[in-house]
C-alpha cells in the first residue's frame, strides 16, 4: 500500500472493511489497475460477485482468485441478494447483547434497587429467576453500559 493511501487504509481498518487476506487476491483485475484495491474487502466481494454474474465465470475458480472459498462466495451472494451493497459490509463479531440476563431480569433488578443491596439482588435473581450473575455484572447491567 502506498503512502497516499494510508488514510484510506486506516479508514478501512476502522470501519471493518480492511481485507486482511489481500495477498490471497490473485485475480488479474486487482493487479492491472490502481483503482482496484485488494485491501478493500467490499470492493473485492463486489467484483467477485460481478465476475460470476456478468462474465459468467466459474464460482469455484473465481472465488479462489478473489481469496474466498466456494462456500464463502455463496454466503457473500446471499448477503448481497438480501441487503444489497450494505450486505457486503462485514458484520461485527461476538455477542450482540447480554448472554446471562434478559431485559425482564434487568427490570426485576431495577425494581429492587432502592430496597435491597446488590448482593441481595444477585441472590434474588438466582432464587426467583434462575439467573446467576456477579455483583459487577449486575452493576454494569443496571448502569446500562455494555460488558467489555
N, C-alpha and C. Protein backbone atom coordinates (compact mmCIF):
# COMPACT_ATOMS: atom_id res chain seq x y z
N UNK A 1 0.85 -1.18 0.00
CA UNK A 1 0.00 0.00 0.00
C UNK A 1 0.90 1.24 0.00
N UNK A 2 0.56 2.21 -0.80
CA UNK A 2 1.39 3.40 -0.94
C UNK A 2 1.12 4.39 0.18
N UNK A 3 2.03 5.37 0.31
CA UNK A 3 1.87 6.39 1.34
C UNK A 3 0.59 7.19 1.16
N UNK A 4 0.20 7.44 -0.11
CA UNK A 4 -1.00 8.26 -0.36
C UNK A 4 -2.28 7.54 0.05
N UNK A 5 -2.24 6.24 0.19
CA UNK A 5 -3.46 5.51 0.54
C UNK A 5 -3.51 5.15 2.02
N UNK A 6 -2.57 5.64 2.83
CA UNK A 6 -2.57 5.32 4.26
C UNK A 6 -3.84 5.76 4.95
N UNK A 7 -4.39 6.93 4.55
CA UNK A 7 -5.64 7.40 5.13
C UNK A 7 -6.78 6.47 4.81
N UNK A 8 -6.82 6.01 3.58
CA UNK A 8 -7.86 5.07 3.16
C UNK A 8 -7.70 3.74 3.89
N UNK A 9 -6.46 3.29 4.03
CA UNK A 9 -6.15 2.05 4.75
C UNK A 9 -6.64 2.15 6.19
N UNK A 10 -6.35 3.27 6.84
CA UNK A 10 -6.78 3.48 8.23
C UNK A 10 -8.30 3.51 8.33
N UNK A 11 -8.95 4.15 7.37
CA UNK A 11 -10.42 4.21 7.37
C UNK A 11 -11.01 2.82 7.22
N UNK A 12 -10.44 2.01 6.31
CA UNK A 12 -10.94 0.65 6.13
C UNK A 12 -10.73 -0.17 7.40
N UNK A 13 -9.61 0.05 8.04
CA UNK A 13 -9.34 -0.68 9.28
C UNK A 13 -10.35 -0.28 10.36
N UNK A 14 -10.65 1.01 10.45
CA UNK A 14 -11.60 1.49 11.45
C UNK A 14 -13.02 1.02 11.20
N UNK A 15 -13.44 0.96 9.93
CA UNK A 15 -14.83 0.59 9.66
C UNK A 15 -15.01 -0.91 9.42
N UNK A 16 -13.94 -1.68 9.54
CA UNK A 16 -14.03 -3.12 9.44
C UNK A 16 -13.99 -3.67 8.03
N UNK A 17 -13.72 -2.82 7.03
CA UNK A 17 -13.73 -3.30 5.65
C UNK A 17 -12.33 -3.58 5.10
N UNK A 18 -11.34 -3.63 5.97
CA UNK A 18 -9.99 -3.94 5.53
C UNK A 18 -9.87 -5.44 5.28
N UNK A 19 -9.41 -5.80 4.09
CA UNK A 19 -9.23 -7.20 3.74
C UNK A 19 -7.88 -7.66 4.27
N UNK A 20 -7.89 -8.44 5.32
CA UNK A 20 -6.65 -8.91 5.93
C UNK A 20 -6.00 -10.02 5.11
N UNK A 21 -6.73 -10.50 4.10
CA UNK A 21 -6.18 -11.52 3.21
C UNK A 21 -5.94 -10.95 1.82
N UNK A 22 -5.57 -9.69 1.74
CA UNK A 22 -5.36 -9.04 0.45
C UNK A 22 -4.33 -9.76 -0.39
N UNK A 23 -3.35 -10.38 0.24
CA UNK A 23 -2.31 -11.08 -0.51
C UNK A 23 -2.85 -12.35 -1.18
N UNK A 24 -4.04 -12.81 -0.78
CA UNK A 24 -4.61 -14.00 -1.41
C UNK A 24 -5.47 -13.66 -2.62
N UNK A 25 -5.65 -12.37 -2.90
CA UNK A 25 -6.41 -11.95 -4.09
C UNK A 25 -5.46 -12.00 -5.28
N UNK A 26 -5.73 -12.94 -6.18
CA UNK A 26 -4.84 -13.11 -7.34
C UNK A 26 -5.50 -12.77 -8.66
N UNK A 27 -6.77 -12.37 -8.63
CA UNK A 27 -7.46 -12.03 -9.87
C UNK A 27 -6.73 -10.87 -10.57
N UNK A 28 -6.58 -10.99 -11.87
CA UNK A 28 -5.80 -10.00 -12.64
C UNK A 28 -6.38 -8.60 -12.57
N UNK A 29 -7.66 -8.48 -12.33
CA UNK A 29 -8.29 -7.16 -12.20
C UNK A 29 -7.57 -6.30 -11.16
N UNK A 30 -7.13 -6.93 -10.08
CA UNK A 30 -6.51 -6.19 -8.98
C UNK A 30 -5.02 -5.93 -9.20
N UNK A 31 -4.45 -6.56 -10.19
CA UNK A 31 -3.04 -6.29 -10.49
C UNK A 31 -2.88 -5.37 -11.68
N UNK A 32 -3.95 -5.14 -12.45
CA UNK A 32 -3.87 -4.33 -13.66
C UNK A 32 -4.17 -2.86 -13.45
N UNK A 33 -4.82 -2.50 -12.36
CA UNK A 33 -5.26 -1.12 -12.18
C UNK A 33 -5.11 -0.69 -10.73
N UNK A 34 -4.71 0.56 -10.54
CA UNK A 34 -4.61 1.09 -9.17
C UNK A 34 -5.99 1.36 -8.58
N UNK A 35 -7.02 1.46 -9.43
CA UNK A 35 -8.37 1.69 -8.95
C UNK A 35 -8.84 0.53 -8.07
N UNK A 36 -8.49 -0.68 -8.46
CA UNK A 36 -8.90 -1.86 -7.72
C UNK A 36 -7.89 -2.14 -6.62
N UNK A 37 -8.38 -2.18 -5.40
CA UNK A 37 -7.52 -2.34 -4.23
C UNK A 37 -7.89 -3.62 -3.49
N UNK A 38 -7.00 -4.57 -3.48
CA UNK A 38 -7.26 -5.86 -2.83
C UNK A 38 -7.45 -5.71 -1.32
N UNK A 39 -7.04 -4.57 -0.76
CA UNK A 39 -7.23 -4.33 0.68
C UNK A 39 -8.68 -3.92 1.00
N UNK A 40 -9.44 -3.52 -0.02
CA UNK A 40 -10.82 -3.08 0.17
C UNK A 40 -11.74 -4.29 0.06
N UNK A 41 -12.14 -4.84 1.18
CA UNK A 41 -12.91 -6.07 1.23
C UNK A 41 -14.24 -5.93 0.51
N UNK A 42 -14.90 -4.81 0.63
CA UNK A 42 -16.18 -4.60 -0.03
C UNK A 42 -16.01 -4.62 -1.55
N UNK A 43 -14.97 -3.96 -2.03
CA UNK A 43 -14.71 -3.94 -3.47
C UNK A 43 -14.37 -5.35 -3.99
N UNK A 44 -13.59 -6.07 -3.22
CA UNK A 44 -13.21 -7.43 -3.62
C UNK A 44 -14.46 -8.31 -3.70
N UNK A 45 -15.32 -8.23 -2.70
CA UNK A 45 -16.54 -9.04 -2.71
C UNK A 45 -17.44 -8.66 -3.90
N UNK A 46 -17.61 -7.37 -4.11
CA UNK A 46 -18.48 -6.92 -5.20
C UNK A 46 -17.95 -7.39 -6.56
N UNK A 47 -16.66 -7.22 -6.79
CA UNK A 47 -16.08 -7.62 -8.06
C UNK A 47 -16.14 -9.13 -8.26
N UNK A 48 -16.04 -9.88 -7.17
CA UNK A 48 -16.17 -11.34 -7.26
C UNK A 48 -17.59 -11.70 -7.71
N UNK A 49 -18.60 -11.08 -7.10
CA UNK A 49 -19.98 -11.34 -7.48
C UNK A 49 -20.24 -10.92 -8.93
N UNK A 50 -19.70 -9.76 -9.30
CA UNK A 50 -19.89 -9.25 -10.66
C UNK A 50 -19.26 -10.18 -11.69
N UNK A 51 -18.07 -10.70 -11.40
CA UNK A 51 -17.38 -11.58 -12.34
C UNK A 51 -18.20 -12.84 -12.61
N UNK A 52 -18.82 -13.38 -11.58
CA UNK A 52 -19.62 -14.59 -11.76
C UNK A 52 -20.92 -14.25 -12.49
N UNK A 53 -21.58 -13.17 -12.06
CA UNK A 53 -22.88 -12.80 -12.62
C UNK A 53 -22.79 -12.27 -14.06
N UNK A 54 -21.91 -11.34 -14.31
CA UNK A 54 -21.87 -10.66 -15.61
C UNK A 54 -20.91 -11.30 -16.60
N UNK A 55 -19.84 -11.89 -16.11
CA UNK A 55 -18.87 -12.51 -17.01
C UNK A 55 -19.07 -14.03 -17.09
N UNK A 56 -20.02 -14.54 -16.33
CA UNK A 56 -20.38 -15.97 -16.32
C UNK A 56 -19.17 -16.85 -16.02
N UNK A 57 -18.37 -16.40 -15.06
CA UNK A 57 -17.20 -17.18 -14.67
C UNK A 57 -17.59 -18.27 -13.67
N UNK A 58 -16.78 -19.30 -13.60
CA UNK A 58 -16.98 -20.42 -12.69
C UNK A 58 -16.85 -19.96 -11.24
N UNK A 59 -17.78 -20.39 -10.40
CA UNK A 59 -17.82 -19.95 -9.00
C UNK A 59 -16.55 -20.35 -8.25
N UNK A 60 -16.17 -21.61 -8.31
CA UNK A 60 -15.04 -22.10 -7.51
C UNK A 60 -13.74 -21.39 -7.85
N UNK A 61 -13.40 -21.32 -9.13
CA UNK A 61 -12.13 -20.69 -9.51
C UNK A 61 -12.17 -19.18 -9.30
N UNK A 62 -13.33 -18.58 -9.52
CA UNK A 62 -13.44 -17.13 -9.31
C UNK A 62 -13.30 -16.81 -7.83
N UNK A 63 -13.99 -17.55 -6.98
CA UNK A 63 -13.89 -17.32 -5.54
C UNK A 63 -12.44 -17.47 -5.10
N UNK A 64 -11.76 -18.48 -5.58
CA UNK A 64 -10.35 -18.68 -5.23
C UNK A 64 -9.49 -17.51 -5.68
N UNK A 65 -9.74 -16.99 -6.87
CA UNK A 65 -8.98 -15.85 -7.39
C UNK A 65 -9.19 -14.58 -6.59
N UNK A 66 -10.31 -14.50 -5.89
CA UNK A 66 -10.60 -13.32 -5.07
C UNK A 66 -10.31 -13.58 -3.59
N UNK A 67 -9.71 -14.73 -3.30
CA UNK A 67 -9.30 -15.03 -1.93
C UNK A 67 -10.39 -15.59 -1.05
N UNK A 68 -11.42 -16.19 -1.66
CA UNK A 68 -12.54 -16.75 -0.91
C UNK A 68 -12.71 -18.22 -1.25
N UNK A 69 -13.43 -18.92 -0.41
CA UNK A 69 -13.81 -20.30 -0.71
C UNK A 69 -15.13 -20.27 -1.47
N UNK A 70 -15.50 -21.39 -2.04
CA UNK A 70 -16.77 -21.51 -2.74
C UNK A 70 -17.93 -21.26 -1.78
N UNK A 71 -17.84 -21.81 -0.57
CA UNK A 71 -18.88 -21.62 0.44
C UNK A 71 -19.00 -20.14 0.80
N UNK A 72 -17.86 -19.47 0.97
CA UNK A 72 -17.88 -18.04 1.30
C UNK A 72 -18.52 -17.23 0.19
N UNK A 73 -18.26 -17.63 -1.07
CA UNK A 73 -18.89 -16.93 -2.19
C UNK A 73 -20.41 -16.93 -2.03
N UNK A 74 -20.97 -18.09 -1.73
CA UNK A 74 -22.43 -18.18 -1.61
C UNK A 74 -22.95 -17.42 -0.39
N UNK A 75 -22.16 -17.33 0.67
CA UNK A 75 -22.56 -16.52 1.83
C UNK A 75 -22.58 -15.04 1.45
N UNK A 76 -21.54 -14.61 0.72
CA UNK A 76 -21.48 -13.22 0.26
C UNK A 76 -22.64 -12.93 -0.67
N UNK A 77 -22.92 -13.83 -1.59
CA UNK A 77 -24.02 -13.64 -2.55
C UNK A 77 -25.35 -13.54 -1.82
N UNK A 78 -25.56 -14.39 -0.84
CA UNK A 78 -26.82 -14.36 -0.07
C UNK A 78 -26.99 -13.00 0.62
N UNK A 79 -25.93 -12.52 1.27
CA UNK A 79 -25.99 -11.22 1.95
C UNK A 79 -26.27 -10.10 0.96
N UNK A 80 -25.63 -10.17 -0.21
CA UNK A 80 -25.83 -9.14 -1.24
C UNK A 80 -27.26 -9.20 -1.77
N UNK A 81 -27.77 -10.39 -2.05
CA UNK A 81 -29.13 -10.54 -2.56
C UNK A 81 -30.16 -10.03 -1.56
N UNK A 82 -29.91 -10.22 -0.28
CA UNK A 82 -30.87 -9.81 0.75
C UNK A 82 -30.75 -8.34 1.13
N UNK A 83 -29.52 -7.81 1.10
CA UNK A 83 -29.29 -6.46 1.64
C UNK A 83 -28.62 -5.49 0.68
N UNK A 84 -28.38 -5.89 -0.55
CA UNK A 84 -27.71 -5.01 -1.49
C UNK A 84 -26.26 -4.79 -1.09
N UNK A 85 -25.71 -3.67 -1.48
CA UNK A 85 -24.30 -3.38 -1.23
C UNK A 85 -23.99 -3.36 0.27
N UNK A 86 -24.97 -2.98 1.09
CA UNK A 86 -24.77 -2.96 2.54
C UNK A 86 -24.50 -4.37 3.08
N UNK A 87 -24.96 -5.38 2.37
CA UNK A 87 -24.71 -6.76 2.78
C UNK A 87 -23.25 -7.17 2.64
N UNK A 88 -22.47 -6.40 1.91
CA UNK A 88 -21.06 -6.71 1.73
C UNK A 88 -20.21 -6.18 2.88
N UNK A 89 -20.77 -5.28 3.67
CA UNK A 89 -20.05 -4.72 4.82
C UNK A 89 -19.98 -5.79 5.90
N UNK A 90 -18.77 -6.09 6.40
CA UNK A 90 -18.65 -7.12 7.44
C UNK A 90 -19.45 -6.77 8.69
N UNK A 91 -20.04 -7.78 9.26
CA UNK A 91 -20.79 -7.57 10.50
C UNK A 91 -19.86 -7.72 11.69
N UNK A 92 -20.20 -7.01 12.75
CA UNK A 92 -19.40 -7.13 13.96
C UNK A 92 -19.56 -8.53 14.52
N UNK A 93 -18.45 -9.06 14.97
CA UNK A 93 -18.46 -10.41 15.53
C UNK A 93 -18.71 -10.37 17.02
N UNK A 94 -19.03 -11.50 17.57
CA UNK A 94 -19.19 -11.61 19.01
C UNK A 94 -20.63 -11.42 19.45
N UNK A 95 -20.84 -11.49 20.74
CA UNK A 95 -22.20 -11.39 21.28
C UNK A 95 -22.80 -10.02 20.98
N UNK A 96 -24.10 -10.00 20.72
CA UNK A 96 -24.79 -8.75 20.42
C UNK A 96 -25.50 -8.18 21.65
N UNK A 97 -25.43 -8.87 22.74
CA UNK A 97 -26.08 -8.40 23.95
C UNK A 97 -25.69 -9.29 25.11
N UNK A 98 -26.34 -9.08 26.23
CA UNK A 98 -26.05 -9.86 27.41
C UNK A 98 -26.43 -11.31 27.19
N UNK A 99 -25.57 -12.20 27.59
CA UNK A 99 -25.87 -13.63 27.46
C UNK A 99 -26.51 -14.17 28.73
N UNK A 100 -26.33 -13.48 29.83
CA UNK A 100 -26.81 -14.01 31.10
C UNK A 100 -28.16 -13.43 31.51
N UNK A 101 -28.39 -12.20 31.17
CA UNK A 101 -29.61 -11.55 31.64
C UNK A 101 -30.47 -11.11 30.46
N UNK A 102 -31.75 -11.16 30.66
CA UNK A 102 -32.70 -10.66 29.67
C UNK A 102 -33.25 -9.34 30.19
N UNK A 103 -33.92 -8.60 29.32
CA UNK A 103 -34.44 -7.30 29.72
C UNK A 103 -35.38 -7.42 30.92
N UNK A 104 -36.17 -8.47 30.97
CA UNK A 104 -37.08 -8.67 32.11
C UNK A 104 -36.33 -8.85 33.42
N UNK A 105 -35.17 -9.53 33.35
CA UNK A 105 -34.35 -9.71 34.55
C UNK A 105 -33.81 -8.38 35.04
N UNK A 106 -33.41 -7.53 34.11
CA UNK A 106 -32.87 -6.21 34.48
C UNK A 106 -33.97 -5.35 35.08
N UNK A 107 -35.16 -5.40 34.50
CA UNK A 107 -36.29 -4.64 35.05
C UNK A 107 -36.62 -5.12 36.47
N UNK A 108 -36.59 -6.43 36.68
CA UNK A 108 -36.82 -7.01 38.00
C UNK A 108 -35.78 -6.46 38.99
N UNK A 109 -34.51 -6.47 38.57
CA UNK A 109 -33.42 -5.99 39.43
C UNK A 109 -33.57 -4.50 39.71
N UNK A 110 -33.96 -3.72 38.70
CA UNK A 110 -34.14 -2.27 38.90
C UNK A 110 -35.22 -1.99 39.93
N UNK A 111 -36.24 -2.84 39.97
CA UNK A 111 -37.31 -2.67 40.94
C UNK A 111 -36.88 -2.92 42.37
N UNK A 112 -35.74 -3.60 42.54
CA UNK A 112 -35.25 -3.91 43.88
C UNK A 112 -34.15 -2.97 44.35
N UNK A 113 -33.68 -2.09 43.49
CA UNK A 113 -32.51 -1.26 43.80
C UNK A 113 -32.67 -0.44 45.07
N UNK A 114 -33.78 0.20 45.30
CA UNK A 114 -33.93 1.07 46.46
C UNK A 114 -34.05 0.33 47.78
N UNK A 115 -34.43 -0.93 47.74
CA UNK A 115 -34.71 -1.66 48.98
C UNK A 115 -33.77 -2.81 49.27
N UNK A 116 -32.91 -3.15 48.33
CA UNK A 116 -32.02 -4.30 48.50
C UNK A 116 -30.57 -3.91 48.14
N UNK A 117 -29.63 -4.61 48.77
CA UNK A 117 -28.23 -4.43 48.39
C UNK A 117 -27.99 -5.19 47.08
N UNK A 118 -26.89 -4.92 46.44
CA UNK A 118 -26.57 -5.62 45.20
C UNK A 118 -26.43 -7.12 45.45
N UNK A 119 -25.84 -7.49 46.58
CA UNK A 119 -25.70 -8.91 46.92
C UNK A 119 -27.08 -9.56 47.07
N UNK A 120 -28.02 -8.86 47.68
CA UNK A 120 -29.36 -9.40 47.84
C UNK A 120 -30.07 -9.52 46.50
N UNK A 121 -29.85 -8.54 45.62
CA UNK A 121 -30.47 -8.59 44.29
C UNK A 121 -29.92 -9.78 43.50
N UNK A 122 -28.61 -9.98 43.58
CA UNK A 122 -27.98 -11.13 42.91
C UNK A 122 -28.60 -12.43 43.42
N UNK A 123 -28.78 -12.52 44.72
CA UNK A 123 -29.36 -13.72 45.33
C UNK A 123 -30.81 -13.92 44.87
N UNK A 124 -31.60 -12.85 44.84
CA UNK A 124 -33.00 -12.95 44.40
C UNK A 124 -33.09 -13.34 42.94
N UNK A 125 -32.19 -12.79 42.10
CA UNK A 125 -32.17 -13.18 40.69
C UNK A 125 -31.92 -14.67 40.55
N UNK A 126 -30.99 -15.18 41.37
CA UNK A 126 -30.66 -16.61 41.32
C UNK A 126 -31.84 -17.46 41.78
N UNK A 127 -32.43 -17.08 42.92
CA UNK A 127 -33.51 -17.87 43.50
C UNK A 127 -34.81 -17.80 42.70
N UNK A 128 -35.19 -16.59 42.30
CA UNK A 128 -36.51 -16.40 41.71
C UNK A 128 -36.54 -16.49 40.18
N UNK A 129 -35.40 -16.22 39.55
CA UNK A 129 -35.41 -16.20 38.08
C UNK A 129 -34.39 -17.16 37.46
N UNK A 130 -33.60 -17.81 38.32
CA UNK A 130 -32.63 -18.77 37.80
C UNK A 130 -31.45 -18.14 37.07
N UNK A 131 -31.17 -16.87 37.37
CA UNK A 131 -30.10 -16.14 36.70
C UNK A 131 -28.93 -15.98 37.66
N UNK A 132 -27.77 -16.51 37.27
CA UNK A 132 -26.58 -16.38 38.10
C UNK A 132 -25.63 -15.36 37.48
N UNK A 133 -25.46 -14.23 38.16
CA UNK A 133 -24.52 -13.20 37.70
C UNK A 133 -23.75 -12.67 38.90
N UNK A 134 -22.64 -12.02 38.62
CA UNK A 134 -21.84 -11.42 39.69
C UNK A 134 -22.39 -10.03 40.02
N UNK A 135 -21.96 -9.50 41.15
CA UNK A 135 -22.38 -8.14 41.52
C UNK A 135 -21.90 -7.14 40.49
N UNK A 136 -20.68 -7.34 39.97
CA UNK A 136 -20.13 -6.40 38.99
C UNK A 136 -20.94 -6.43 37.69
N UNK A 137 -21.34 -7.61 37.25
CA UNK A 137 -22.17 -7.70 36.06
C UNK A 137 -23.50 -7.01 36.29
N UNK A 138 -24.06 -7.21 37.48
CA UNK A 138 -25.31 -6.54 37.83
C UNK A 138 -25.14 -5.02 37.77
N UNK A 139 -24.04 -4.52 38.32
CA UNK A 139 -23.78 -3.08 38.28
C UNK A 139 -23.73 -2.56 36.85
N UNK A 140 -23.04 -3.29 35.98
CA UNK A 140 -22.94 -2.87 34.57
C UNK A 140 -24.31 -2.89 33.91
N UNK A 141 -25.07 -3.93 34.18
CA UNK A 141 -26.40 -4.04 33.58
C UNK A 141 -27.32 -2.92 34.06
N UNK A 142 -27.25 -2.60 35.33
CA UNK A 142 -28.09 -1.54 35.88
C UNK A 142 -27.69 -0.16 35.36
N UNK A 143 -26.40 0.02 35.09
CA UNK A 143 -25.93 1.32 34.60
C UNK A 143 -26.20 1.49 33.11
N UNK A 144 -26.52 0.39 32.44
CA UNK A 144 -26.77 0.47 31.00
C UNK A 144 -25.53 0.36 30.14
N UNK A 145 -24.37 0.19 30.76
CA UNK A 145 -23.13 0.04 30.00
C UNK A 145 -23.02 -1.38 29.49
N UNK A 146 -22.42 -1.52 28.30
CA UNK A 146 -22.19 -2.85 27.74
C UNK A 146 -21.05 -3.51 28.48
N UNK A 147 -21.08 -4.84 28.52
CA UNK A 147 -19.94 -5.58 29.08
C UNK A 147 -18.74 -5.39 28.18
N UNK A 148 -17.60 -5.25 28.77
CA UNK A 148 -16.38 -5.05 27.98
C UNK A 148 -15.42 -6.18 28.19
